[in-house]
Amino acid sequence: MSDSLDQYLVATQFYDFDNELVQQWADRVLQGVSDDPIDIAKALYLAARDEVSYNPYVFSTNPKSLSASHVLEARESYCIPKAVLLGAAARYKGIPARLGLADVKNHLSSPRLIEFLRSDIFRMHGYIELYLDGRWVKATPAFNKRLCMIMKVEPLAFDGVNDSIFQPYTDDGAQHMEYVQEHGEFVDVPFEFIMEGIRTAYPHLFNPQAEVMPISGDLESEV
């Protein structure tokens, strides 16, 4: 492993695979899985996708909420922390991982979520890139299988070889996701960059102390 890739293998406050909860989760998921990095990545991807429900309403300005261990404690989260969970487990197993960020347009948002955001543009969507077989491969574990079934969208697969990014169309041919701006990839979670981007896009969600105002919701019941 080159020195340039070593930076994508360290534990941080977000990729906290030095936390026993993260290690136990990854070890359980990988029971019976071969030592091949692609097989490891595929198993971890499915677990991060389906064992944590996608819920954008749990967004928080608390840095801990973006850590892998917090995702496992909560068992519901949104795209960035779910990607971080996959990345942390991958780093724990010796697979370099980095976070990618982009703005996406969701043509299938629930009316309540669009009203909540006052936009159909989702700022700072997160995915993970894993270094497998000599190259970076994108993986997007955001939408769990149950939610995809409700949305009539095929759950995103990941084969460890091809990029796994949001489907542009639903099963019946309707538009689903559209990438509108890429922000790049990052060694660690750029917390302040993410928060500033979200505050700029959705200023109405924050109080004068720059803290997000609480809201409860469940996307599965709204789609």
C-alpha atoms as a PDB file:
ATOM      1  CA  MET A   1       0.000   0.000   0.000  1.00  0.00           C
ATOM      2  CA  SER A   2       1.498   3.345  -1.037  1.00  0.00           C
ATOM      3  CA  ASP A   3       1.944   6.194   1.405  1.00  0.00           C
ATOM      4  CA  SER A   4      -0.615   8.203  -0.546  1.00  0.00           C
ATOM      5  CA  LEU A   5      -3.282   5.595   0.219  1.00  0.00           C
ATOM      6  CA  ASP A   6      -2.378   5.238   3.891  1.00  0.00           C
ATOM      7  CA  GLN A   7      -4.243   8.467   4.673  1.00  0.00           C
ATOM      8  CA  TYR A   8      -7.465   6.739   3.603  1.00  0.00           C
ATOM      9  CA  LEU A   9      -6.984   3.978   6.184  1.00  0.00           C
ATOM     10  CA  VAL A  10      -6.746   5.916   9.447  1.00  0.00           C
ATOM     11  CA  ALA A  11      -9.394   6.169  12.152  1.00  0.00           C
ATOM     12  CA  THR A  12     -10.848   9.638  12.772  1.00  0.00           C
ATOM     13  CA  GLN A  13     -13.660  11.058  14.884  1.00  0.00           C
ATOM     14  CA  PHE A  14     -15.972  10.237  11.959  1.00  0.00           C
ATOM     15  CA  TYR A  15     -14.376   7.054  10.618  1.00  0.00           C
ATOM     16  CA  ASP A  16     -14.194   5.789  14.176  1.00  0.00           C
ATOM     17  CA  PHE A  17     -13.465   2.128  13.493  1.00  0.00           C
ATOM     18  CA  ASP A  18     -11.414   2.136  16.669  1.00  0.00           C
ATOM     19  CA  ASN A  19     -14.821   2.059  18.364  1.00  0.00           C
ATOM     20  CA  GLU A  20     -15.745  -1.438  19.513  1.00  0.00           C
ATOM     21  CA  LEU A  21     -19.297  -1.091  18.196  1.00  0.00           C
ATOM     22  CA  VAL A  22     -18.036  -0.519  14.645  1.00  0.00           C
ATOM     23  CA  GLN A  23     -15.583  -3.401  14.856  1.00  0.00           C
ATOM     24  CA  GLN A  24     -18.206  -5.790  16.199  1.00  0.00           C
ATOM     25  CA  TRP A  25     -20.650  -4.790  13.466  1.00  0.00           C
ATOM     26  CA  ALA A  26     -18.114  -5.282  10.681  1.00  0.00           C
ATOM     27  CA  ASP A  27     -16.907  -8.600  12.091  1.00  0.00           C
ATOM     28  CA  ARG A  28     -20.484  -9.888  12.340  1.00  0.00           C
ATOM     29  CA  VAL A  29     -21.340  -8.800   8.798  1.00  0.00           C
ATOM     30  CA  LEU A  30     -18.241 -10.521   7.437  1.00  0.00           C
ATOM     31  CA  GLN A  31     -18.712 -13.871   9.132  1.00  0.00           C
ATOM     32  CA  GLY A  32     -18.302 -16.496   6.399  1.00  0.00           C
ATOM     33  CA  VAL A  33     -17.160 -13.921   3.817  1.00  0.00           C
ATOM     34  CA  SER A  34     -13.887 -14.578   2.002  1.00  0.00           C
ATOM     35  CA  ASP A  35     -10.790 -12.424   2.516  1.00  0.00           C
ATOM     36  CA  ASP A  36     -11.076 -11.019  -0.992  1.00  0.00           C
ATOM     37  CA  PRO A  37     -11.399  -7.214  -0.676  1.00  0.00           C
ATOM     38  CA  ILE A  38     -14.187  -7.072  -3.260  1.00  0.00           C
ATOM     39  CA  ASP A  39     -16.216  -9.680  -1.374  1.00  0.00           C
ATOM     40  CA  ILE A  40     -15.627  -7.761   1.860  1.00  0.00           C
ATOM     41  CA  ALA A  41     -16.701  -4.478   0.254  1.00  0.00           C
ATOM     42  CA  LYS A  42     -19.862  -6.017  -1.212  1.00  0.00           C
ATOM     43  CA  ALA A  43     -20.938  -7.513   2.110  1.00  0.00           C
ATOM     44  CA  LEU A  44     -20.287  -4.303   4.031  1.00  0.00           C
ATOM     45  CA  TYR A  45     -22.157  -2.308   1.403  1.00  0.00           C
ATOM     46  CA  LEU A  46     -25.313  -4.387   1.676  1.00  0.00           C
ATOM     47  CA  ALA A  47     -25.250  -4.201   5.462  1.00  0.00           C
ATOM     48  CA  ALA A  48     -24.739  -0.425   5.505  1.00  0.00           C
ATOM     49  CA  ARG A  49     -27.510  -0.031   2.928  1.00  0.00           C
ATOM     50  CA  ASP A  50     -30.144  -2.227   4.564  1.00  0.00           C
ATOM     51  CA  GLU A  51     -29.399  -2.378   8.303  1.00  0.00           C
ATOM     52  CA  VAL A  52     -29.706   1.392   8.697  1.00  0.00           C
ATOM     53  CA  SER A  53     -32.938   3.036   7.512  1.00  0.00           C
ATOM     54  CA  TYR A  54     -32.638   6.154   5.375  1.00  0.00           C
ATOM     55  CA  ASN A  55     -34.179   9.145   7.166  1.00  0.00           C
ATOM     56  CA  PRO A  56     -33.178  12.697   6.151  1.00  0.00           C
ATOM     57  CA  TYR A  57     -35.130  14.219   9.041  1.00  0.00           C
ATOM     58  CA  VAL A  58     -32.523  13.118  11.589  1.00  0.00           C
ATOM     59  CA  PHE A  59     -29.970  15.624  10.243  1.00  0.00           C
ATOM     60  CA  SER A  60     -28.063  17.303  13.075  1.00  0.00           C
ATOM     61  CA  THR A  61     -25.333  19.917  13.465  1.00  0.00           C
ATOM     62  CA  ASN A  62     -23.691  17.742  16.117  1.00  0.00           C
ATOM     63  CA  PRO A  63     -20.453  16.351  14.615  1.00  0.00           C
ATOM     64  CA  LYS A  64     -20.995  13.045  16.427  1.00  0.00           C
ATOM     65  CA  SER A  65     -24.079  12.422  14.277  1.00  0.00           C
ATOM     66  CA  LEU A  66     -21.813  11.918  11.255  1.00  0.00           C
ATOM     67  CA  SER A  67     -19.700   9.225  12.911  1.00  0.00           C
ATOM     68  CA  ALA A  68     -19.947   5.538  12.080  1.00  0.00           C
ATOM     69  CA  SER A  69     -20.582   4.549  15.688  1.00  0.00           C
ATOM     70  CA  HIS A  70     -23.495   6.981  15.989  1.00  0.00           C
ATOM     71  CA  VAL A  71     -25.104   5.527  12.862  1.00  0.00           C
ATOM     72  CA  LEU A  72     -25.003   2.074  14.422  1.00  0.00           C
ATOM     73  CA  GLU A  73     -26.483   3.390  17.659  1.00  0.00           C
ATOM     74  CA  ALA A  74     -29.320   5.217  15.893  1.00  0.00           C
ATOM     75  CA  ARG A  75     -30.002   2.640  13.130  1.00  0.00           C
ATOM     76  CA  GLU A  76     -31.447   5.435  11.006  1.00  0.00           C
ATOM     77  CA  SER A  77     -29.588   8.178   9.180  1.00  0.00           C
ATOM     78  CA  TYR A  78     -29.114   9.874   5.826  1.00  0.00           C
ATOM     79  CA  CYS A  79     -26.661   9.541   2.960  1.00  0.00           C
ATOM     80  CA  ILE A  80     -23.464  11.044   4.430  1.00  0.00           C
ATOM     81  CA  PRO A  81     -23.337   9.120   7.740  1.00  0.00           C
ATOM     82  CA  LYS A  82     -24.388   5.885   6.027  1.00  0.00           C
ATOM     83  CA  ALA A  83     -21.528   6.335   3.558  1.00  0.00           C
ATOM     84  CA  VAL A  84     -19.178   7.060   6.469  1.00  0.00           C
ATOM     85  CA  LEU A  85     -20.267   3.830   8.169  1.00  0.00           C
ATOM     86  CA  LEU A  86     -19.344   1.860   5.063  1.00  0.00           C
ATOM     87  CA  GLY A  87     -16.068   3.761   4.788  1.00  0.00           C
ATOM     88  CA  ALA A  88     -15.138   3.199   8.421  1.00  0.00           C
ATOM     89  CA  ALA A  89     -15.792  -0.531   8.215  1.00  0.00           C
ATOM     90  CA  ALA A  90     -13.816  -0.721   4.969  1.00  0.00           C
ATOM     91  CA  ARG A  91     -10.856   1.092   6.539  1.00  0.00           C
ATOM     92  CA  TYR A  92     -11.050  -1.281   9.506  1.00  0.00           C
ATOM     93  CA  LYS A  93     -10.619  -4.160   7.054  1.00  0.00           C
ATOM     94  CA  GLY A  94      -7.741  -2.509   5.212  1.00  0.00           C
ATOM     95  CA  ILE A  95      -9.656  -1.065   2.255  1.00  0.00           C
ATOM     96  CA  PRO A  96      -8.915   2.635   1.596  1.00  0.00           C
ATOM     97  CA  ALA A  97     -12.067   4.752   1.670  1.00  0.00           C
ATOM     98  CA  ARG A  98     -12.932   8.401   1.071  1.00  0.00           C
ATOM     99  CA  LEU A  99     -16.131  10.449   1.075  1.00  0.00           C
ATOM    100  CA  GLY A 100     -17.534  12.020  -2.082  1.00  0.00           C
ATOM    101  CA  LEU A 101     -20.066  14.853  -2.104  1.00  0.00           C
ATOM    102  CA  ALA A 102     -22.450  16.103  -4.781  1.00  0.00           C
ATOM    103  CA  ASP A 103     -25.710  18.010  -5.165  1.00  0.00           C
ATOM    104  CA  VAL A 104     -28.550  15.925  -6.598  1.00  0.00           C
ATOM    105  CA  LYS A 105     -32.065  16.586  -7.822  1.00  0.00           C
ATOM    106  CA  ASN A 106     -34.586  14.068  -6.556  1.00  0.00           C
ATOM    107  CA  HIS A 107     -37.593  13.807  -8.852  1.00  0.00           C
ATOM    108  CA  LEU A 108     -39.331  11.432  -6.434  1.00  0.00           C
ATOM    109  CA  SER A 109     -39.103  13.326  -3.156  1.00  0.00           C
ATOM    110  CA  SER A 110     -42.119  13.218  -0.900  1.00  0.00           C
ATOM    111  CA  PRO A 111     -44.183  16.434  -0.939  1.00  0.00           C
ATOM    112  CA  ARG A 112     -43.463  16.908   2.771  1.00  0.00           C
ATOM    113  CA  LEU A 113     -39.702  16.647   2.269  1.00  0.00           C
ATOM    114  CA  ILE A 114     -39.774  19.166  -0.594  1.00  0.00           C
ATOM    115  CA  GLU A 115     -41.846  21.482   1.586  1.00  0.00           C
ATOM    116  CA  PHE A 116     -39.380  20.961   4.448  1.00  0.00           C
ATOM    117  CA  LEU A 117     -36.381  21.830   2.264  1.00  0.00           C
ATOM    118  CA  ARG A 118     -38.247  24.330   0.034  1.00  0.00           C
ATOM    119  CA  SER A 119     -36.316  22.720  -2.806  1.00  0.00           C
ATOM    120  CA  ASP A 120     -36.001  19.490  -4.785  1.00  0.00           C
ATOM    121  CA  ILE A 121     -32.212  19.897  -4.805  1.00  0.00           C
ATOM    122  CA  PHE A 122     -30.462  17.867  -2.130  1.00  0.00           C
ATOM    123  CA  ARG A 123     -27.282  19.720  -1.204  1.00  0.00           C
ATOM    124  CA  MET A 124     -24.284  17.707  -0.049  1.00  0.00           C
ATOM    125  CA  HIS A 125     -25.378  14.214  -0.976  1.00  0.00           C
ATOM    126  CA  GLY A 126     -22.740  11.772   0.226  1.00  0.00           C
ATOM    127  CA  TYR A 127     -21.340   8.579  -1.252  1.00  0.00           C
ATOM    128  CA  ILE A 128     -18.187   6.597  -0.522  1.00  0.00           C
ATOM    129  CA  GLU A 129     -15.306   5.655  -2.781  1.00  0.00           C
ATOM    130  CA  LEU A 130     -13.426   2.436  -2.076  1.00  0.00           C
ATOM    131  CA  TYR A 131     -10.004   1.601  -3.487  1.00  0.00           C
ATOM    132  CA  LEU A 132     -10.414  -1.863  -4.988  1.00  0.00           C
ATOM    133  CA  ASP A 133      -8.229  -3.714  -7.471  1.00  0.00           C
ATOM    134  CA  GLY A 134      -6.080  -0.664  -8.109  1.00  0.00           C
ATOM    135  CA  ARG A 135      -8.766   1.984  -8.625  1.00  0.00           C
ATOM    136  CA  TRP A 136     -11.446   4.017  -6.854  1.00  0.00           C
ATOM    137  CA  VAL A 137     -15.012   2.705  -7.118  1.00  0.00           C
ATOM    138  CA  LYS A 138     -18.117   4.645  -6.010  1.00  0.00           C
ATOM    139  CA  ALA A 139     -20.670   3.075  -3.666  1.00  0.00           C
ATOM    140  CA  THR A 140     -23.958   4.644  -2.539  1.00  0.00           C
ATOM    141  CA  PRO A 141     -25.564   2.827   0.417  1.00  0.00           C
ATOM    142  CA  ALA A 142     -28.109   5.582   1.139  1.00  0.00           C
ATOM    143  CA  PHE A 143     -31.523   4.107   0.317  1.00  0.00           C
ATOM    144  CA  ASN A 144     -32.337   0.889   2.172  1.00  0.00           C
ATOM    145  CA  LYS A 145     -34.103  -1.937   0.368  1.00  0.00           C
ATOM    146  CA  ARG A 146     -37.480  -1.416   2.059  1.00  0.00           C
ATOM    147  CA  LEU A 147     -37.591   2.262   1.071  1.00  0.00           C
ATOM    148  CA  CYS A 148     -36.623   1.418  -2.504  1.00  0.00           C
ATOM    149  CA  MET A 149     -39.481  -1.084  -2.722  1.00  0.00           C
ATOM    150  CA  ILE A 150     -41.908   1.610  -1.543  1.00  0.00           C
ATOM    151  CA  MET A 151     -40.463   4.092  -4.048  1.00  0.00           C
ATOM    152  CA  LYS A 152     -40.684   1.496  -6.852  1.00  0.00           C
ATOM    153  CA  VAL A 153     -36.953   1.808  -7.493  1.00  0.00           C
ATOM    154  CA  GLU A 154     -34.597  -1.156  -7.742  1.00  0.00           C
ATOM    155  CA  PRO A 155     -32.240  -1.137  -4.723  1.00  0.00           C
ATOM    156  CA  LEU A 156     -28.770  -0.073  -5.748  1.00  0.00           C
ATOM    157  CA  ALA A 157     -26.425  -3.033  -6.109  1.00  0.00           C
ATOM    158  CA  PHE A 158     -22.648  -2.875  -5.738  1.00  0.00           C
ATOM    159  CA  ASP A 159     -20.331  -5.382  -7.362  1.00  0.00           C
ATOM    160  CA  GLY A 160     -17.031  -3.840  -6.261  1.00  0.00           C
ATOM    161  CA  VAL A 161     -16.058  -3.238  -9.887  1.00  0.00           C
ATOM    162  CA  ASN A 162     -18.544  -0.722 -11.296  1.00  0.00           C
ATOM    163  CA  ASP A 163     -19.627   2.574  -9.779  1.00  0.00           C
ATOM    164  CA  SER A 164     -22.857   2.309  -7.793  1.00  0.00           C
ATOM    165  CA  ILE A 165     -24.628   5.659  -8.075  1.00  0.00           C
ATOM    166  CA  PHE A 166     -28.283   6.643  -7.924  1.00  0.00           C
ATOM    167  CA  GLN A 167     -30.486   5.322 -10.694  1.00  0.00           C
ATOM    168  CA  PRO A 168     -31.629   8.048 -13.126  1.00  0.00           C
ATOM    169  CA  TYR A 169     -34.982   6.313 -13.669  1.00  0.00           C
ATOM    170  CA  THR A 170     -37.539   4.305 -11.707  1.00  0.00           C
ATOM    171  CA  ASP A 171     -38.866   0.902 -12.724  1.00  0.00           C
ATOM    172  CA  ASP A 172     -41.611   2.549 -14.817  1.00  0.00           C
ATOM    173  CA  GLY A 173     -39.258   4.964 -16.585  1.00  0.00           C
ATOM    174  CA  ALA A 174     -39.930   8.091 -14.525  1.00  0.00           C
ATOM    175  CA  GLN A 175     -36.986  10.325 -13.638  1.00  0.00           C
ATOM    176  CA  HIS A 176     -35.478   9.580 -10.242  1.00  0.00           C
ATOM    177  CA  MET A 177     -32.093  11.136  -9.428  1.00  0.00           C
ATOM    178  CA  GLU A 178     -30.031  13.697 -11.333  1.00  0.00           C
ATOM    179  CA  TYR A 179     -26.526  14.785 -10.314  1.00  0.00           C
ATOM    180  CA  VAL A 180     -26.275  18.551 -10.731  1.00  0.00           C
ATOM    181  CA  GLN A 181     -22.937  19.465  -9.115  1.00  0.00           C
ATOM    182  CA  GLU A 182     -19.917  17.516  -7.877  1.00  0.00           C
ATOM    183  CA  HIS A 183     -17.964  18.763  -4.864  1.00  0.00           C
ATOM    184  CA  GLY A 184     -15.156  16.202  -5.021  1.00  0.00           C
ATOM    185  CA  GLU A 185     -13.714  13.565  -2.690  1.00  0.00           C
ATOM    186  CA  PHE A 186     -12.257  14.042   0.781  1.00  0.00           C
ATOM    187  CA  VAL A 187      -9.784  12.187   3.013  1.00  0.00           C
ATOM    188  CA  ASP A 188     -11.913  12.866   6.094  1.00  0.00           C
ATOM    189  CA  VAL A 189     -15.436  14.172   6.542  1.00  0.00           C
ATOM    190  CA  PRO A 190     -15.285  17.948   5.790  1.00  0.00           C
ATOM    191  CA  PHE A 191     -17.745  18.801   8.536  1.00  0.00           C
ATOM    192  CA  GLU A 192     -17.626  22.602   8.319  1.00  0.00           C
ATOM    193  CA  PHE A 193     -17.807  22.516   4.508  1.00  0.00           C
ATOM    194  CA  ILE A 194     -20.890  20.298   4.678  1.00  0.00           C
ATOM    195  CA  MET A 195     -22.607  22.428   7.314  1.00  0.00           C
ATOM    196  CA  GLU A 196     -21.896  25.671   5.479  1.00  0.00           C
ATOM    197  CA  GLY A 197     -23.260  24.230   2.249  1.00  0.00           C
ATOM    198  CA  ILE A 198     -26.448  23.069   3.941  1.00  0.00           C
ATOM    199  CA  ARG A 199     -26.911  26.339   5.854  1.00  0.00           C
ATOM    200  CA  THR A 200     -26.500  28.273   2.597  1.00  0.00           C
ATOM    201  CA  ALA A 201     -28.986  26.084   0.716  1.00  0.00           C
ATOM    202  CA  TYR A 202     -31.595  25.841   3.484  1.00  0.00           C
ATOM    203  CA  PRO A 203     -31.214  28.837   5.834  1.00  0.00           C
ATOM    204  CA  HIS A 204     -34.808  28.466   7.041  1.00  0.00           C
ATOM    205  CA  LEU A 205     -33.901  25.195   8.799  1.00  0.00           C
ATOM    206  CA  PHE A 206     -31.574  26.905  11.282  1.00  0.00           C
ATOM    207  CA  ASN A 207     -32.147  29.054  14.348  1.00  0.00           C
ATOM    208  CA  PRO A 208     -30.120  32.229  15.111  1.00  0.00           C
ATOM    209  CA  GLN A 209     -27.501  30.066  16.844  1.00  0.00           C
ATOM    210  CA  ALA A 210     -26.930  28.211  13.533  1.00  0.00           C
ATOM    211  CA  GLU A 211     -28.431  25.045  15.017  1.00  0.00           C
ATOM    212  CA  VAL A 212     -30.880  23.040  12.963  1.00  0.00           C
ATOM    213  CA  MET A 213     -34.436  23.213  14.249  1.00  0.00           C
ATOM    214  CA  PRO A 214     -35.770  19.777  15.215  1.00  0.00           C
ATOM    215  CA  ILE A 215     -38.356  18.018  13.077  1.00  0.00           C
ATOM    216  CA  SER A 216     -39.683  14.492  13.191  1.00  0.00           C
ATOM    217  CA  GLY A 217     -40.512  12.423  10.156  1.00  0.00           C
ATOM    218  CA  ASP A 218     -40.365   9.081   8.418  1.00  0.00           C
ATOM    219  CA  LEU A 219     -39.789   9.108   4.684  1.00  0.00           C
ATOM    220  CA  GLU A 220     -41.140   5.581   4.226  1.00  0.00           C
ATOM    221  CA  SER A 221     -44.619   6.715   5.306  1.00  0.00           C
ATOM    222  CA  GLU A 222     -44.555   9.760   3.010  1.00  0.00           C
ATOM    223  CA  VAL A 223     -43.582   8.309  -0.366  1.00  0.00           C
END
